[in-house]
Amino acid sequence: QVQLAESGGGSVEAGGSLRLSCAASGDKYSTACMFWFRQSPGEEREAVAGFRTNGGPTYYSDSVRGRFTISKDNRKNTVHLQMTTLKPEDTAMYYCAAGPEKRLPSDRTRFYCESIETEFAYWGQGTQVTVSS
């Protein structure tokens, strides 16, 4: 059983910073891919950052690249999302998500994570981030 618990959301002015945390528990297979998603009212849930816990490139969406940094604390089994230079359009509910990795069709010995909502079976309850102009 995988459990994810987010914390760290809040309200800030534009240009400010926040750090979100996701405390994860569960088997390594189900938490091989750890991502942050966000969803604004009336919008689809989108991946903003993520990584494969066994290594590989880190994913950032175009809208947050250069401003957000995802990291992990292996000792505490926690994933962080450091958000800087926040903009009003970053306002959303932020969710931590975990899921298994996938094999590359062209090389079955290699694995990757896909930044698609349906690839993640486990979700936290969400934490609200509000950025005022």
N, C-alpha and C. Protein backbone atom coordinates (compact mmCIF):
# COMPACT_ATOMS: atom_id res chain seq x y z
N GLN A 1 0.84 -1.18 0.00
CA GLN A 1 0.00 0.00 0.00
C GLN A 1 0.89 1.25 0.00
N VAL A 2 0.64 2.14 -0.93
CA VAL A 2 1.40 3.38 -1.04
C VAL A 2 0.58 4.51 -0.41
N GLN A 3 1.25 5.29 0.40
CA GLN A 3 0.61 6.47 0.97
C GLN A 3 1.47 7.69 0.69
N LEU A 4 0.82 8.76 0.28
CA LEU A 4 1.50 10.00 -0.03
C LEU A 4 0.84 11.13 0.75
N ALA A 5 1.66 11.96 1.38
CA ALA A 5 1.11 13.06 2.17
C ALA A 5 1.85 14.33 1.82
N GLU A 6 1.14 15.28 1.21
CA GLU A 6 1.76 16.56 0.84
C GLU A 6 1.65 17.57 1.97
N SER A 7 2.57 18.51 1.94
CA SER A 7 2.53 19.63 2.87
C SER A 7 3.28 20.79 2.24
N GLY A 8 3.09 21.97 2.79
CA GLY A 8 3.88 23.12 2.36
C GLY A 8 3.18 24.12 1.49
N GLY A 9 1.94 23.89 1.14
CA GLY A 9 1.22 24.86 0.32
C GLY A 9 0.91 26.12 1.12
N GLY A 10 0.39 27.13 0.43
CA GLY A 10 0.04 28.36 1.10
C GLY A 10 -0.20 29.47 0.11
N SER A 11 -0.24 30.68 0.62
CA SER A 11 -0.47 31.87 -0.21
C SER A 11 0.76 32.76 -0.18
N VAL A 12 1.18 33.18 -1.36
CA VAL A 12 2.33 34.07 -1.47
C VAL A 12 2.04 35.11 -2.54
N GLU A 13 2.83 36.17 -2.52
CA GLU A 13 2.73 37.16 -3.58
C GLU A 13 3.59 36.73 -4.75
N ALA A 14 3.27 37.26 -5.90
CA ALA A 14 4.04 36.97 -7.09
C ALA A 14 5.52 37.29 -6.86
N GLY A 15 6.37 36.40 -7.33
CA GLY A 15 7.79 36.55 -7.12
C GLY A 15 8.30 35.81 -5.90
N GLY A 16 7.39 35.34 -5.08
CA GLY A 16 7.76 34.64 -3.86
C GLY A 16 8.10 33.18 -4.11
N SER A 17 8.37 32.47 -3.01
CA SER A 17 8.79 31.07 -3.09
C SER A 17 8.00 30.23 -2.09
N LEU A 18 7.87 28.97 -2.43
CA LEU A 18 7.29 27.98 -1.54
C LEU A 18 7.99 26.65 -1.77
N ARG A 19 8.01 25.82 -0.73
CA ARG A 19 8.53 24.47 -0.90
C ARG A 19 7.47 23.48 -0.48
N LEU A 20 7.12 22.61 -1.41
CA LEU A 20 6.18 21.55 -1.13
C LEU A 20 6.94 20.28 -0.79
N SER A 21 6.35 19.48 0.09
CA SER A 21 6.95 18.21 0.46
C SER A 21 5.93 17.09 0.32
N CYS A 22 6.44 15.92 -0.03
CA CYS A 22 5.59 14.74 -0.17
C CYS A 22 6.27 13.60 0.56
N ALA A 23 5.68 13.20 1.67
CA ALA A 23 6.19 12.05 2.42
C ALA A 23 5.57 10.79 1.83
N ALA A 24 6.43 9.89 1.38
CA ALA A 24 5.95 8.70 0.69
C ALA A 24 6.27 7.44 1.47
N SER A 25 5.35 6.51 1.44
CA SER A 25 5.59 5.19 2.00
C SER A 25 5.00 4.16 1.05
N GLY A 26 5.68 3.02 0.94
CA GLY A 26 5.19 1.99 0.04
C GLY A 26 6.34 1.27 -0.64
N ASP A 27 6.00 0.28 -1.45
CA ASP A 27 7.02 -0.53 -2.08
C ASP A 27 7.73 0.23 -3.19
N LYS A 28 8.95 -0.19 -3.47
CA LYS A 28 9.78 0.52 -4.44
C LYS A 28 9.21 0.42 -5.85
N TYR A 29 8.54 -0.68 -6.17
CA TYR A 29 7.96 -0.83 -7.50
C TYR A 29 6.91 0.25 -7.76
N SER A 30 6.03 0.44 -6.79
CA SER A 30 4.93 1.38 -6.96
C SER A 30 5.35 2.84 -6.87
N THR A 31 6.53 3.09 -6.32
CA THR A 31 7.01 4.47 -6.18
C THR A 31 8.24 4.71 -7.04
N ALA A 32 8.39 3.94 -8.11
CA ALA A 32 9.55 4.11 -8.97
C ALA A 32 9.53 5.45 -9.69
N CYS A 33 8.35 5.96 -9.96
CA CYS A 33 8.20 7.28 -10.58
C CYS A 33 7.50 8.18 -9.59
N MET A 34 8.11 9.32 -9.28
CA MET A 34 7.55 10.28 -8.35
C MET A 34 7.41 11.60 -9.08
N PHE A 35 6.18 12.11 -9.11
CA PHE A 35 5.89 13.32 -9.86
C PHE A 35 5.05 14.28 -9.02
N TRP A 36 5.11 15.53 -9.40
CA TRP A 36 4.18 16.55 -8.93
C TRP A 36 3.30 16.96 -10.10
N PHE A 37 2.00 16.98 -9.83
CA PHE A 37 1.02 17.48 -10.77
C PHE A 37 0.33 18.69 -10.15
N ARG A 38 -0.35 19.45 -10.99
CA ARG A 38 -1.18 20.53 -10.47
C ARG A 38 -2.44 20.64 -11.29
N GLN A 39 -3.46 21.19 -10.65
CA GLN A 39 -4.74 21.36 -11.33
C GLN A 39 -5.40 22.65 -10.87
N SER A 40 -5.73 23.49 -11.84
CA SER A 40 -6.47 24.72 -11.57
C SER A 40 -7.94 24.46 -11.87
N PRO A 41 -8.85 25.25 -11.28
CA PRO A 41 -10.28 25.06 -11.56
C PRO A 41 -10.58 25.14 -13.05
N GLY A 42 -11.29 24.16 -13.54
CA GLY A 42 -11.66 24.15 -14.95
C GLY A 42 -10.57 23.68 -15.88
N GLU A 43 -9.42 23.32 -15.34
CA GLU A 43 -8.31 22.87 -16.17
C GLU A 43 -8.02 21.39 -15.91
N GLU A 44 -7.32 20.79 -16.85
CA GLU A 44 -6.89 19.41 -16.67
C GLU A 44 -5.66 19.38 -15.75
N ARG A 45 -5.49 18.24 -15.11
CA ARG A 45 -4.33 18.07 -14.26
C ARG A 45 -3.10 17.92 -15.14
N GLU A 46 -2.03 18.65 -14.80
CA GLU A 46 -0.82 18.62 -15.61
C GLU A 46 0.38 18.28 -14.74
N ALA A 47 1.31 17.55 -15.33
CA ALA A 47 2.56 17.23 -14.65
C ALA A 47 3.46 18.46 -14.71
N VAL A 48 4.08 18.79 -13.59
CA VAL A 48 5.00 19.92 -13.57
C VAL A 48 6.44 19.49 -13.35
N ALA A 49 6.65 18.41 -12.61
CA ALA A 49 8.01 17.95 -12.36
C ALA A 49 7.98 16.50 -11.89
N GLY A 50 9.06 15.78 -12.18
CA GLY A 50 9.11 14.40 -11.73
C GLY A 50 10.42 13.73 -12.06
N PHE A 51 10.59 12.52 -11.51
CA PHE A 51 11.82 11.77 -11.78
C PHE A 51 11.57 10.30 -11.54
N ARG A 52 12.52 9.54 -12.07
CA ARG A 52 12.54 8.10 -11.84
C ARG A 52 13.48 7.86 -10.66
N THR A 53 13.04 7.20 -9.61
CA THR A 53 13.84 7.05 -8.41
C THR A 53 15.10 6.23 -8.64
N ASN A 54 15.13 5.42 -9.69
CA ASN A 54 16.31 4.62 -10.00
C ASN A 54 17.27 5.34 -10.93
N GLY A 55 17.01 6.61 -11.19
CA GLY A 55 17.93 7.38 -12.01
C GLY A 55 17.36 7.75 -13.36
N GLY A 56 17.99 8.70 -14.02
CA GLY A 56 17.52 9.15 -15.32
C GLY A 56 17.23 10.64 -15.28
N PRO A 57 16.81 11.19 -16.40
CA PRO A 57 16.57 12.63 -16.48
C PRO A 57 15.38 13.05 -15.63
N THR A 58 15.44 14.28 -15.14
CA THR A 58 14.34 14.87 -14.40
C THR A 58 13.41 15.58 -15.37
N TYR A 59 12.13 15.44 -15.14
CA TYR A 59 11.14 16.08 -16.01
C TYR A 59 10.68 17.41 -15.40
N TYR A 60 10.60 18.42 -16.24
CA TYR A 60 9.97 19.70 -15.88
C TYR A 60 9.09 20.13 -17.05
N SER A 61 7.93 20.64 -16.74
CA SER A 61 7.10 21.20 -17.80
C SER A 61 7.71 22.53 -18.25
N ASP A 62 7.38 22.93 -19.45
CA ASP A 62 7.92 24.18 -19.98
C ASP A 62 7.53 25.37 -19.11
N SER A 63 6.37 25.31 -18.50
CA SER A 63 5.87 26.44 -17.73
C SER A 63 6.61 26.65 -16.41
N VAL A 64 7.33 25.64 -15.93
CA VAL A 64 8.01 25.79 -14.64
C VAL A 64 9.52 25.61 -14.73
N ARG A 65 10.01 25.14 -15.86
CA ARG A 65 11.45 24.89 -15.99
C ARG A 65 12.23 26.16 -15.71
N GLY A 66 13.25 26.03 -14.87
CA GLY A 66 14.07 27.17 -14.48
C GLY A 66 13.57 27.86 -13.22
N ARG A 67 12.35 27.55 -12.80
CA ARG A 67 11.79 28.17 -11.59
C ARG A 67 11.53 27.14 -10.49
N PHE A 68 11.18 25.94 -10.87
CA PHE A 68 10.88 24.87 -9.91
C PHE A 68 12.01 23.85 -9.92
N THR A 69 12.26 23.28 -8.75
CA THR A 69 13.26 22.22 -8.64
C THR A 69 12.69 21.09 -7.81
N ILE A 70 12.74 19.90 -8.36
CA ILE A 70 12.29 18.72 -7.63
C ILE A 70 13.50 18.00 -7.07
N SER A 71 13.37 17.49 -5.85
CA SER A 71 14.47 16.78 -5.23
C SER A 71 13.92 15.72 -4.31
N LYS A 72 14.80 14.84 -3.85
CA LYS A 72 14.36 13.78 -2.95
C LYS A 72 15.32 13.64 -1.79
N ASP A 73 14.75 13.31 -0.67
CA ASP A 73 15.53 13.02 0.53
C ASP A 73 15.34 11.53 0.79
N ASN A 74 16.33 10.75 0.39
CA ASN A 74 16.19 9.29 0.49
C ASN A 74 16.07 8.84 1.93
N ARG A 75 16.77 9.54 2.81
CA ARG A 75 16.75 9.13 4.22
C ARG A 75 15.34 9.24 4.80
N LYS A 76 14.62 10.31 4.39
CA LYS A 76 13.28 10.53 4.92
C LYS A 76 12.19 10.05 3.96
N ASN A 77 12.60 9.53 2.80
CA ASN A 77 11.65 9.07 1.79
C ASN A 77 10.66 10.18 1.45
N THR A 78 11.20 11.34 1.20
CA THR A 78 10.39 12.53 0.95
C THR A 78 10.83 13.19 -0.35
N VAL A 79 9.86 13.65 -1.11
CA VAL A 79 10.12 14.38 -2.35
C VAL A 79 9.71 15.83 -2.14
N HIS A 80 10.58 16.74 -2.56
CA HIS A 80 10.32 18.17 -2.39
C HIS A 80 10.14 18.83 -3.75
N LEU A 81 9.37 19.88 -3.76
CA LEU A 81 9.25 20.73 -4.94
C LEU A 81 9.51 22.17 -4.49
N GLN A 82 10.69 22.66 -4.80
CA GLN A 82 11.03 24.04 -4.49
C GLN A 82 10.53 24.92 -5.62
N MET A 83 9.68 25.86 -5.29
CA MET A 83 9.08 26.73 -6.29
C MET A 83 9.53 28.16 -6.03
N THR A 84 10.16 28.78 -7.03
CA THR A 84 10.63 30.15 -6.90
C THR A 84 10.03 31.00 -8.01
N THR A 85 10.17 32.29 -7.86
CA THR A 85 9.64 33.25 -8.84
C THR A 85 8.20 32.87 -9.22
N LEU A 86 7.40 32.67 -8.21
CA LEU A 86 6.03 32.22 -8.45
C LEU A 86 5.21 33.28 -9.17
N LYS A 87 4.32 32.80 -10.01
CA LYS A 87 3.44 33.66 -10.81
C LYS A 87 1.98 33.36 -10.46
N PRO A 88 1.09 34.30 -10.69
CA PRO A 88 -0.33 34.03 -10.43
C PRO A 88 -0.84 32.78 -11.17
N GLU A 89 -0.29 32.52 -12.34
CA GLU A 89 -0.73 31.34 -13.10
C GLU A 89 -0.25 30.03 -12.50
N ASP A 90 0.60 30.09 -11.47
CA ASP A 90 1.00 28.88 -10.75
C ASP A 90 -0.04 28.48 -9.71
N THR A 91 -1.03 29.33 -9.51
CA THR A 91 -2.09 29.03 -8.55
C THR A 91 -2.82 27.76 -8.95
N ALA A 92 -2.85 26.79 -8.04
CA ALA A 92 -3.46 25.50 -8.34
C ALA A 92 -3.41 24.62 -7.10
N MET A 93 -4.10 23.50 -7.18
CA MET A 93 -3.93 22.44 -6.20
C MET A 93 -2.79 21.57 -6.71
N TYR A 94 -1.81 21.34 -5.87
CA TYR A 94 -0.66 20.55 -6.24
C TYR A 94 -0.77 19.15 -5.61
N TYR A 95 -0.51 18.15 -6.44
CA TYR A 95 -0.62 16.77 -6.01
C TYR A 95 0.69 16.03 -6.21
N CYS A 96 1.03 15.22 -5.25
CA CYS A 96 2.14 14.29 -5.37
C CYS A 96 1.57 12.98 -5.91
N ALA A 97 2.30 12.36 -6.83
CA ALA A 97 1.82 11.13 -7.44
C ALA A 97 2.95 10.11 -7.55
N ALA A 98 2.59 8.86 -7.43
CA ALA A 98 3.58 7.77 -7.53
C ALA A 98 3.05 6.69 -8.45
N GLY A 99 3.98 6.07 -9.16
CA GLY A 99 3.58 5.01 -10.06
C GLY A 99 4.77 4.17 -10.47
N PRO A 100 4.53 3.04 -11.12
CA PRO A 100 5.61 2.17 -11.57
C PRO A 100 6.29 2.73 -12.82
N GLU A 101 7.53 2.33 -13.05
CA GLU A 101 8.23 2.70 -14.26
C GLU A 101 7.83 1.77 -15.39
N LYS A 102 8.15 2.19 -16.61
CA LYS A 102 7.79 1.41 -17.79
C LYS A 102 9.06 1.01 -18.55
N ARG A 103 8.96 -0.09 -19.27
CA ARG A 103 10.08 -0.54 -20.10
C ARG A 103 10.03 0.17 -21.45
N LEU A 104 11.21 0.56 -21.94
CA LEU A 104 11.29 1.13 -23.27
C LEU A 104 10.96 0.06 -24.31
N PRO A 105 10.05 0.33 -25.23
CA PRO A 105 9.72 -0.68 -26.26
C PRO A 105 10.92 -1.08 -27.10
N SER A 106 11.84 -0.14 -27.33
CA SER A 106 13.00 -0.41 -28.19
C SER A 106 14.13 -1.10 -27.46
N ASP A 107 14.10 -1.07 -26.14
CA ASP A 107 15.16 -1.71 -25.34
C ASP A 107 14.55 -2.10 -24.02
N ARG A 108 14.19 -3.35 -23.92
CA ARG A 108 13.43 -3.83 -22.77
C ARG A 108 14.25 -3.85 -21.48
N THR A 109 15.54 -3.57 -21.58
CA THR A 109 16.38 -3.52 -20.37
C THR A 109 16.39 -2.13 -19.76
N ARG A 110 15.79 -1.17 -20.44
CA ARG A 110 15.79 0.21 -19.96
C ARG A 110 14.38 0.62 -19.55
N PHE A 111 14.33 1.55 -18.60
CA PHE A 111 13.05 1.96 -18.02
C PHE A 111 12.91 3.48 -18.08
N TYR A 112 11.66 3.93 -18.00
CA TYR A 112 11.40 5.36 -17.99
C TYR A 112 10.09 5.63 -17.26
N CYS A 113 9.84 6.91 -16.99
CA CYS A 113 8.58 7.34 -16.40
C CYS A 113 7.85 8.23 -17.40
N GLU A 114 6.56 8.09 -17.44
CA GLU A 114 5.76 8.89 -18.36
C GLU A 114 4.97 9.92 -17.57
N SER A 115 4.98 11.16 -18.03
CA SER A 115 4.36 12.26 -17.30
C SER A 115 2.87 12.39 -17.63
N ILE A 116 2.18 11.28 -17.58
CA ILE A 116 0.76 11.28 -17.92
C ILE A 116 -0.02 10.85 -16.70
N GLU A 117 -1.08 11.57 -16.41
CA GLU A 117 -1.87 11.34 -15.20
C GLU A 117 -2.29 9.89 -15.04
N THR A 118 -2.69 9.26 -16.12
CA THR A 118 -3.21 7.90 -16.04
C THR A 118 -2.15 6.86 -15.71
N GLU A 119 -0.87 7.25 -15.77
CA GLU A 119 0.21 6.31 -15.45
C GLU A 119 0.44 6.21 -13.95
N PHE A 120 -0.23 7.03 -13.17
CA PHE A 120 0.01 7.09 -11.73
C PHE A 120 -1.19 6.56 -10.97
N ALA A 121 -0.93 5.53 -10.17
CA ALA A 121 -2.02 4.89 -9.43
C ALA A 121 -2.22 5.49 -8.04
N TYR A 122 -1.22 6.19 -7.55
CA TYR A 122 -1.27 6.67 -6.17
C TYR A 122 -1.14 8.19 -6.13
N TRP A 123 -2.02 8.80 -5.35
CA TRP A 123 -2.09 10.26 -5.27
C TRP A 123 -2.23 10.71 -3.83
N GLY A 124 -1.60 11.86 -3.54
CA GLY A 124 -1.82 12.48 -2.25
C GLY A 124 -3.12 13.26 -2.27
N GLN A 125 -3.43 13.87 -1.14
CA GLN A 125 -4.69 14.60 -1.01
C GLN A 125 -4.64 15.98 -1.65
N GLY A 126 -3.45 16.45 -1.94
CA GLY A 126 -3.28 17.74 -2.58
C GLY A 126 -3.00 18.85 -1.56
N THR A 127 -2.29 19.86 -2.01
CA THR A 127 -2.03 21.03 -1.19
C THR A 127 -2.20 22.27 -2.07
N GLN A 128 -2.90 23.25 -1.56
CA GLN A 128 -3.25 24.43 -2.35
C GLN A 128 -2.11 25.44 -2.37
N VAL A 129 -1.81 25.95 -3.55
CA VAL A 129 -0.86 27.03 -3.72
C VAL A 129 -1.60 28.19 -4.38
N THR A 130 -1.54 29.35 -3.74
CA THR A 130 -2.21 30.53 -4.27
C THR A 130 -1.19 31.66 -4.38
N VAL A 131 -1.06 32.20 -5.58
CA VAL A 131 -0.11 33.28 -5.84
C VAL A 131 -0.89 34.52 -6.25
N SER A 132 -0.74 35.57 -5.48
CA SER A 132 -1.46 36.81 -5.77
C SER A 132 -0.56 37.78 -6.51
N SER A 133 -1.19 38.58 -7.35
CA SER A 133 -0.41 39.54 -8.16
C SER A 133 -0.21 40.85 -7.42
